[in-house]
C-alpha atoms as a PDB file:
ATOM      1  CA  MET A   1     -10.242  -6.136 -10.681  1.00  0.00           C
ATOM      2  CA  LYS A   2     -11.054  -4.632  -7.286  1.00  0.00           C
ATOM      3  CA  LEU A   3      -8.977  -1.841  -5.883  1.00  0.00           C
ATOM      4  CA  PHE A   4      -6.711  -2.770  -3.003  1.00  0.00           C
ATOM      5  CA  PHE A   5      -4.297  -1.064  -0.578  1.00  0.00           C
ATOM      6  CA  PRO A   6      -4.953   2.582   1.392  1.00  0.00           C
ATOM      7  CA  LEU A   7      -4.214   5.693   4.106  1.00  0.00           C
ATOM      8  CA  LEU A   8      -5.109   8.909   5.861  1.00  0.00           C
ATOM      9  CA  PHE A   9      -2.634  11.606   4.868  1.00  0.00           C
ATOM     10  CA  CYS A  10      -4.710  14.736   5.495  1.00  0.00           C
ATOM     11  CA  ILE A  11      -2.700  15.430   8.669  1.00  0.00           C
ATOM     12  CA  LEU A  12      -1.360  18.926   9.258  1.00  0.00           C
ATOM     13  CA  TRP A  13       1.342  19.863  11.742  1.00  0.00           C
ATOM     14  CA  SER A  14       4.395  22.075  11.906  1.00  0.00           C
ATOM     15  CA  GLY A  15       7.681  20.357  11.200  1.00  0.00           C
ATOM     16  CA  GLN A  16      10.662  20.129   8.888  1.00  0.00           C
ATOM     17  CA  ILE A  17      10.180  19.432   5.185  1.00  0.00           C
ATOM     18  CA  TYR A  18      12.761  17.700   2.978  1.00  0.00           C
ATOM     19  CA  ALA A  19      12.550  17.101  -0.771  1.00  0.00           C
ATOM     20  CA  ASP A  20      15.985  15.826  -1.692  1.00  0.00           C
ATOM     21  CA  LYS A  21      18.353  12.891  -1.281  1.00  0.00           C
ATOM     22  CA  LYS A  22      17.828  13.019   2.455  1.00  0.00           C
ATOM     23  CA  ALA A  23      14.121  12.252   2.017  1.00  0.00           C
ATOM     24  CA  VAL A  24      14.871   9.333  -0.319  1.00  0.00           C
ATOM     25  CA  GLU A  25      17.475   7.913   2.062  1.00  0.00           C
ATOM     26  CA  SER A  26      15.165   8.285   5.053  1.00  0.00           C
ATOM     27  CA  PHE A  27      12.294   6.525   3.258  1.00  0.00           C
ATOM     28  CA  SER A  28      14.572   3.705   2.065  1.00  0.00           C
ATOM     29  CA  GLU A  29      15.946   3.208   5.568  1.00  0.00           C
ATOM     30  CA  ALA A  30      12.431   3.068   7.032  1.00  0.00           C
ATOM     31  CA  LEU A  31      11.426   0.351   4.554  1.00  0.00           C
ATOM     32  CA  LEU A  32      14.635  -1.633   4.938  1.00  0.00           C
ATOM     33  CA  SER A  33      14.201  -1.730   8.709  1.00  0.00           C
ATOM     34  CA  VAL A  34      11.072  -3.844   8.171  1.00  0.00           C
ATOM     35  CA  GLU A  35      12.019  -7.284   6.816  1.00  0.00           C
ATOM     36  CA  THR A  36       8.588  -8.723   7.654  1.00  0.00           C
ATOM     37  CA  MET A  37       5.333  -7.213   8.868  1.00  0.00           C
ATOM     38  CA  THR A  38       1.841  -8.370   9.800  1.00  0.00           C
ATOM     39  CA  GLY A  39      -1.225  -6.356  10.718  1.00  0.00           C
ATOM     40  CA  HIS A  40      -4.844  -5.385  10.257  1.00  0.00           C
ATOM     41  CA  PHE A  41      -6.052  -2.738   7.818  1.00  0.00           C
ATOM     42  CA  THR A  42      -9.123  -0.590   7.241  1.00  0.00           C
ATOM     43  CA  GLN A  43      -9.484   0.726   3.696  1.00  0.00           C
ATOM     44  CA  ARG A  44     -11.635   3.451   2.189  1.00  0.00           C
ATOM     45  CA  ILE A  45     -12.154   4.490  -1.412  1.00  0.00           C
ATOM     46  CA  ILE A  46     -13.191   8.129  -1.713  1.00  0.00           C
ATOM     47  CA  ASP A  47     -15.187   9.410  -4.668  1.00  0.00           C
ATOM     48  CA  SER A  48     -13.152  11.744  -6.883  1.00  0.00           C
ATOM     49  CA  GLU A  49     -15.825  14.478  -6.895  1.00  0.00           C
ATOM     50  CA  GLU A  50     -16.094  14.444  -3.099  1.00  0.00           C
ATOM     51  CA  PHE A  51     -12.321  14.436  -2.696  1.00  0.00           C
ATOM     52  CA  ASN A  52     -11.685  17.190  -5.241  1.00  0.00           C
ATOM     53  CA  SER A  53     -14.465  19.449  -3.947  1.00  0.00           C
ATOM     54  CA  SER A  54     -13.376  19.427  -0.296  1.00  0.00           C
ATOM     55  CA  GLY A  55     -10.071  19.083   1.485  1.00  0.00           C
ATOM     56  CA  ASP A  56     -12.033  17.583   4.383  1.00  0.00           C
ATOM     57  CA  ALA A  57     -13.319  14.629   2.354  1.00  0.00           C
ATOM     58  CA  GLY A  58     -10.899  12.372   4.158  1.00  0.00           C
ATOM     59  CA  LYS A  59     -12.776  13.095   7.379  1.00  0.00           C
ATOM     60  CA  ASN A  60     -16.248  12.619   5.924  1.00  0.00           C
ATOM     61  CA  ASP A  61     -17.553   9.054   6.026  1.00  0.00           C
ATOM     62  CA  ASP A  62     -20.275  10.007   3.535  1.00  0.00           C
ATOM     63  CA  ALA A  63     -17.561  10.594   0.915  1.00  0.00           C
ATOM     64  CA  SER A  64     -16.590   6.913   0.956  1.00  0.00           C
ATOM     65  CA  ILE A  65     -17.899   4.804  -1.920  1.00  0.00           C
ATOM     66  CA  GLN A  66     -16.466   1.594  -0.442  1.00  0.00           C
ATOM     67  CA  THR A  67     -15.044   0.598   2.933  1.00  0.00           C
ATOM     68  CA  SER A  68     -13.356  -2.715   3.671  1.00  0.00           C
ATOM     69  CA  GLU A  69     -10.996  -4.309   6.159  1.00  0.00           C
ATOM     70  CA  GLY A  70      -8.816  -7.354   6.576  1.00  0.00           C
ATOM     71  CA  ASN A  71      -5.321  -8.609   7.373  1.00  0.00           C
ATOM     72  CA  PHE A  72      -1.969  -8.609   5.601  1.00  0.00           C
ATOM     73  CA  ILE A  73       1.474 -10.226   5.658  1.00  0.00           C
ATOM     74  CA  ILE A  74       4.625  -8.811   4.057  1.00  0.00           C
ATOM     75  CA  LYS A  75       8.053 -10.349   3.650  1.00  0.00           C
ATOM     76  CA  ARG A  76      10.929  -8.751   1.828  1.00  0.00           C
ATOM     77  CA  PRO A  77      11.919  -9.168  -0.899  1.00  0.00           C
ATOM     78  CA  GLY A  78       8.850  -9.627  -3.023  1.00  0.00           C
ATOM     79  CA  TYR A  79       6.235 -11.392  -0.852  1.00  0.00           C
ATOM     80  CA  PHE A  80       2.872  -9.860  -0.048  1.00  0.00           C
ATOM     81  CA  LEU A  81      -0.506 -11.231   1.084  1.00  0.00           C
ATOM     82  CA  TRP A  82      -3.567  -8.997   1.400  1.00  0.00           C
ATOM     83  CA  HIS A  83      -6.806 -10.639   2.603  1.00  0.00           C
ATOM     84  CA  VAL A  84      -9.934  -8.490   2.397  1.00  0.00           C
ATOM     85  CA  SER A  85     -12.723  -9.713   4.673  1.00  0.00           C
ATOM     86  CA  PRO A  86     -16.351 -10.266   3.521  1.00  0.00           C
ATOM     87  CA  PRO A  87     -18.554  -8.805   2.119  1.00  0.00           C
ATOM     88  CA  TYR A  88     -15.858  -7.675  -0.361  1.00  0.00           C
ATOM     89  CA  GLU A  89     -13.709 -10.747   0.167  1.00  0.00           C
ATOM     90  CA  GLN A  90     -10.600 -10.985  -1.945  1.00  0.00           C
ATOM     91  CA  MET A  91      -7.086 -12.361  -1.612  1.00  0.00           C
ATOM     92  CA  ILE A  92      -4.070 -10.773  -3.293  1.00  0.00           C
ATOM     93  CA  ILE A  93      -0.899 -12.856  -3.083  1.00  0.00           C
ATOM     94  CA  GLY A  94       2.317 -11.419  -4.466  1.00  0.00           C
ATOM     95  CA  SER A  95       5.530 -13.423  -4.797  1.00  0.00           C
ATOM     96  CA  PRO A  96       8.779 -12.917  -6.731  1.00  0.00           C
ATOM     97  CA  GLY A  97       7.247 -14.879  -9.612  1.00  0.00           C
ATOM     98  CA  SER A  98       3.607 -13.878  -9.839  1.00  0.00           C
ATOM     99  CA  LEU A  99       0.629 -11.939  -8.536  1.00  0.00           C
ATOM    100  CA  LYS A 100      -2.533 -13.930  -7.778  1.00  0.00           C
ATOM    101  CA  VAL A 101      -5.918 -12.290  -7.221  1.00  0.00           C
ATOM    102  CA  TYR A 102      -8.601 -14.626  -5.884  1.00  0.00           C
ATOM    103  CA  ASP A 103     -12.294 -13.648  -5.819  1.00  0.00           C
ATOM    104  CA  PRO A 104     -14.302 -16.300  -3.934  1.00  0.00           C
ATOM    105  CA  ASP A 105     -17.637 -14.728  -4.920  1.00  0.00           C
ATOM    106  CA  LEU A 106     -16.736 -15.158  -8.589  1.00  0.00           C
ATOM    107  CA  GLU A 107     -14.996 -18.498  -7.962  1.00  0.00           C
ATOM    108  CA  GLN A 108     -12.154 -17.083 -10.012  1.00  0.00           C
ATOM    109  CA  MET A 109      -8.416 -16.521  -9.648  1.00  0.00           C
ATOM    110  CA  THR A 110      -6.394 -14.349 -12.005  1.00  0.00           C
ATOM    111  CA  VAL A 111      -2.636 -14.874 -12.232  1.00  0.00           C
ATOM    112  CA  HIS A 112      -0.644 -11.838 -13.351  1.00  0.00           C
ATOM    113  CA  ALA A 113       3.043 -11.291 -13.960  1.00  0.00           C
ATOM    114  CA  GLN A 114       4.780 -10.104 -10.785  1.00  0.00           C
ATOM    115  CA  ASP A 115       5.487  -6.706 -12.328  1.00  0.00           C
ATOM    116  CA  SER A 116       1.731  -6.009 -12.237  1.00  0.00           C
ATOM    117  CA  LEU A 117       2.470  -4.688  -8.738  1.00  0.00           C
ATOM    118  CA  SER A 118       4.983  -2.185 -10.068  1.00  0.00           C
ATOM    119  CA  GLY A 119       4.484   1.285  -8.626  1.00  0.00           C
ATOM    120  CA  THR A 120       1.928   0.231  -6.015  1.00  0.00           C
ATOM    121  CA  PRO A 121       2.298   0.628  -2.244  1.00  0.00           C
ATOM    122  CA  ALA A 122       2.724  -3.149  -2.015  1.00  0.00           C
ATOM    123  CA  SER A 123       5.664  -3.183  -4.408  1.00  0.00           C
ATOM    124  CA  LEU A 124       7.361  -0.315  -2.611  1.00  0.00           C
ATOM    125  CA  ILE A 125       6.997  -1.911   0.816  1.00  0.00           C
ATOM    126  CA  SER A 126       8.089  -5.383  -0.236  1.00  0.00           C
ATOM    127  CA  GLY A 127      10.282  -4.667  -3.255  1.00  0.00           C
ATOM    128  CA  ASP A 128      13.633  -3.196  -4.296  1.00  0.00           C
ATOM    129  CA  VAL A 129      14.198   0.159  -2.581  1.00  0.00           C
ATOM    130  CA  THR A 130      17.088   1.018  -4.934  1.00  0.00           C
ATOM    131  CA  LEU A 131      14.512   1.886  -7.595  1.00  0.00           C
ATOM    132  CA  ILE A 132      12.864   4.588  -5.481  1.00  0.00           C
ATOM    133  CA  ASP A 133      15.396   7.311  -6.272  1.00  0.00           C
ATOM    134  CA  LYS A 134      15.276   6.411  -9.965  1.00  0.00           C
ATOM    135  CA  ASN A 135      11.496   6.509 -10.289  1.00  0.00           C
ATOM    136  CA  TYR A 136      10.207   8.971  -7.691  1.00  0.00           C
ATOM    137  CA  ASP A 137      10.630  12.384  -6.175  1.00  0.00           C
ATOM    138  CA  VAL A 138      10.192  12.073  -2.419  1.00  0.00           C
ATOM    139  CA  GLU A 139       9.091  14.755   0.017  1.00  0.00           C
ATOM    140  CA  LEU A 140       9.428  14.215   3.753  1.00  0.00           C
ATOM    141  CA  LYS A 141       7.392  16.096   6.350  1.00  0.00           C
ATOM    142  CA  GLN A 142       8.797  15.349   9.757  1.00  0.00           C
ATOM    143  CA  SER A 143       7.755  16.081  13.318  1.00  0.00           C
ATOM    144  CA  LYS A 144       9.161  14.590  16.508  1.00  0.00           C
ATOM    145  CA  LYS A 145       7.337  11.248  16.265  1.00  0.00           C
ATOM    146  CA  ILE A 146       5.715  11.184  12.812  1.00  0.00           C
ATOM    147  CA  ARG A 147       7.207  11.154   9.320  1.00  0.00           C
ATOM    148  CA  THR A 148       5.092  11.501   6.181  1.00  0.00           C
ATOM    149  CA  TYR A 149       6.628  10.593   2.804  1.00  0.00           C
ATOM    150  CA  THR A 150       4.907  11.773  -0.383  1.00  0.00           C
ATOM    151  CA  LEU A 151       6.072  10.118  -3.605  1.00  0.00           C
ATOM    152  CA  THR A 152       5.428  11.463  -7.093  1.00  0.00           C
ATOM    153  CA  GLU A 153       6.700   9.960 -10.338  1.00  0.00           C
ATOM    154  CA  LYS A 154       9.644  11.645 -12.012  1.00  0.00           C
ATOM    155  CA  GLY A 155       9.070  13.132 -15.441  1.00  0.00           C
ATOM    156  CA  ALA A 156       5.761  12.766 -17.246  1.00  0.00           C
ATOM    157  CA  GLY A 157       5.118   9.348 -15.747  1.00  0.00           C
ATOM    158  CA  GLU A 158       2.762   6.749 -17.147  1.00  0.00           C
ATOM    159  CA  GLY A 159       1.899   5.050 -13.882  1.00  0.00           C
ATOM    160  CA  ALA A 160      -1.573   4.634 -12.451  1.00  0.00           C
ATOM    161  CA  PHE A 161      -1.033   6.960  -9.495  1.00  0.00           C
ATOM    162  CA  GLU A 162      -0.818  10.707  -9.125  1.00  0.00           C
ATOM    163  CA  SER A 163       0.840  10.387  -5.720  1.00  0.00           C
ATOM    164  CA  LEU A 164       1.615   7.831  -3.011  1.00  0.00           C
ATOM    165  CA  VAL A 165       1.824   8.642   0.696  1.00  0.00           C
ATOM    166  CA  PHE A 166       3.321   6.630   3.577  1.00  0.00           C
ATOM    167  CA  VAL A 167       3.135   7.664   7.235  1.00  0.00           C
ATOM    168  CA  PHE A 168       5.448   6.195   9.874  1.00  0.00           C
ATOM    169  CA  SER A 169       5.517   6.691  13.628  1.00  0.00           C
ATOM    170  CA  ARG A 170       8.513   5.962  15.799  1.00  0.00           C
ATOM    171  CA  LYS A 171       7.883   3.988  18.962  1.00  0.00           C
ATOM    172  CA  SER A 172      10.952   2.803  20.826  1.00  0.00           C
ATOM    173  CA  LYS A 173      13.336   1.698  18.041  1.00  0.00           C
ATOM    174  CA  ASP A 174      10.673   0.573  15.571  1.00  0.00           C
ATOM    175  CA  ASN A 175       9.521   2.368  12.434  1.00  0.00           C
ATOM    176  CA  LEU A 176       5.790   1.630  12.450  1.00  0.00           C
ATOM    177  CA  LEU A 177       3.963   2.117   9.171  1.00  0.00           C
ATOM    178  CA  PHE A 178       0.424   3.067  10.183  1.00  0.00           C
ATOM    179  CA  GLU A 179      -1.061   4.881   7.187  1.00  0.00           C
ATOM    180  CA  MET A 180      -0.846   4.673   3.383  1.00  0.00           C
ATOM    181  CA  SER A 181      -2.798   6.320   0.591  1.00  0.00           C
ATOM    182  CA  PHE A 182      -2.735   6.921  -3.106  1.00  0.00           C
ATOM    183  CA  ILE A 183      -4.542   9.145  -5.572  1.00  0.00           C
ATOM    184  CA  ASP A 184      -5.051   7.728  -9.053  1.00  0.00           C
ATOM    185  CA  LYS A 185      -4.933   9.656 -12.323  1.00  0.00           C
ATOM    186  CA  LEU A 186      -8.728  10.203 -12.159  1.00  0.00           C
ATOM    187  CA  GLY A 187      -8.462  11.854  -8.755  1.00  0.00           C
ATOM    188  CA  GLN A 188      -9.939   8.957  -6.794  1.00  0.00           C
ATOM    189  CA  LYS A 189      -8.327   8.498  -3.406  1.00  0.00           C
ATOM    190  CA  VAL A 190      -7.736   5.221  -1.574  1.00  0.00           C
ATOM    191  CA  GLU A 191      -6.821   5.335   2.117  1.00  0.00           C
ATOM    192  CA  ILE A 192      -5.489   2.572   4.382  1.00  0.00           C
ATOM    193  CA  LEU A 193      -5.168   2.745   8.142  1.00  0.00           C
ATOM    194  CA  ILE A 194      -2.979   0.023   9.667  1.00  0.00           C
ATOM    195  CA  SER A 195      -3.345  -1.346  13.193  1.00  0.00           C
ATOM    196  CA  GLN A 196      -2.098  -4.303  15.227  1.00  0.00           C
ATOM    197  CA  GLN A 197       1.102  -4.158  13.202  1.00  0.00           C
ATOM    198  CA  LYS A 198       4.115  -6.252  14.169  1.00  0.00           C
ATOM    199  CA  ASN A 199       7.534  -5.625  12.676  1.00  0.00           C
ATOM    200  CA  ASN A 200       9.885  -8.469  11.823  1.00  0.00           C
ATOM    201  CA  PRO A 201       8.083 -11.564  13.111  1.00  0.00           C
ATOM    202  CA  ARG A 202       9.330 -14.889  11.738  1.00  0.00           C
ATOM    203  CA  ILE A 203       7.433 -15.687   8.525  1.00  0.00           C
ATOM    204  CA  GLU A 204       8.147 -18.652   6.261  1.00  0.00           C
ATOM    205  CA  ASP A 205       7.860 -18.360   2.471  1.00  0.00           C
ATOM    206  CA  SER A 206       5.163 -21.034   2.673  1.00  0.00           C
ATOM    207  CA  ALA A 207       2.828 -18.482   4.261  1.00  0.00           C
ATOM    208  CA  PHE A 208       2.352 -17.099   0.749  1.00  0.00           C
ATOM    209  CA  ASP A 209       1.496 -20.435  -0.867  1.00  0.00           C
ATOM    210  CA  PHE A 210      -2.107 -20.454  -2.026  1.00  0.00           C
ATOM    211  CA  GLU A 211      -4.178 -22.940  -3.986  1.00  0.00           C
ATOM    212  CA  PRO A 212      -7.811 -21.993  -4.704  1.00  0.00           C
ATOM    213  CA  PRO A 213     -10.658 -24.447  -4.055  1.00  0.00           C
ATOM    214  CA  LYS A 214     -11.371 -27.083  -6.681  1.00  0.00           C
ATOM    215  CA  GLY A 215     -13.613 -25.772  -9.439  1.00  0.00           C
ATOM    216  CA  THR A 216     -12.123 -22.271  -9.376  1.00  0.00           C
ATOM    217  CA  ASP A 217     -11.647 -20.723 -12.815  1.00  0.00           C
ATOM    218  CA  ILE A 218      -7.967 -19.874 -13.363  1.00  0.00           C
ATOM    219  CA  ILE A 219      -7.217 -16.970 -15.706  1.00  0.00           C
ATOM    220  CA  ILE A 220      -3.630 -16.347 -16.828  1.00  0.00           C
ATOM    221  CA  ASP A 221      -3.048 -12.686 -17.635  1.00  0.00           C
ATOM    222  CA  GLY A 222       0.088 -12.116 -19.667  1.00  0.00           C
END
């Protein structure tokens, strides 16, 4: 299954740092202010050796082992569509009942239980924010116009990610999510830069309906 989702969180600036209830509340409020969102993304996967050997790997295009781009739609609660453009084309469609991953090159669609998204950036953006305080420690680095939230699992943690990062900017009254990233347990980093984002456009549930072309192999996982 291809990796999906990303962000650029190697940004340094002076500002206030919070690692308590205030950070959790601020992150929850930022997510709750976005009922729906559309936009374009650029994603990079960075090799673990390159990332671990240099703090500047995020700025080095040669460190990338895969770059992709595409468009996404999000609707709370529980709806998510991520369309990766060719040559790595893939569609990931999350709904309250299932997670579908369609690979046109393989002529195959895998249907997972919805909780397969648990702990991912997609689930945090589109899911139940009341679980954030239960499952994560949140650190907030804040400047005048930019807020960076770093999430780490509480306790030992058995999730797939070492950390998750979300970066918001404030323009007018909107909280604009423009960067995400995660580092997996093997040290591999995935970055996503978001552009052309629109907060709270009208989106029908039917936007997340998807039926693959005839002849597609359907695999039910779980």
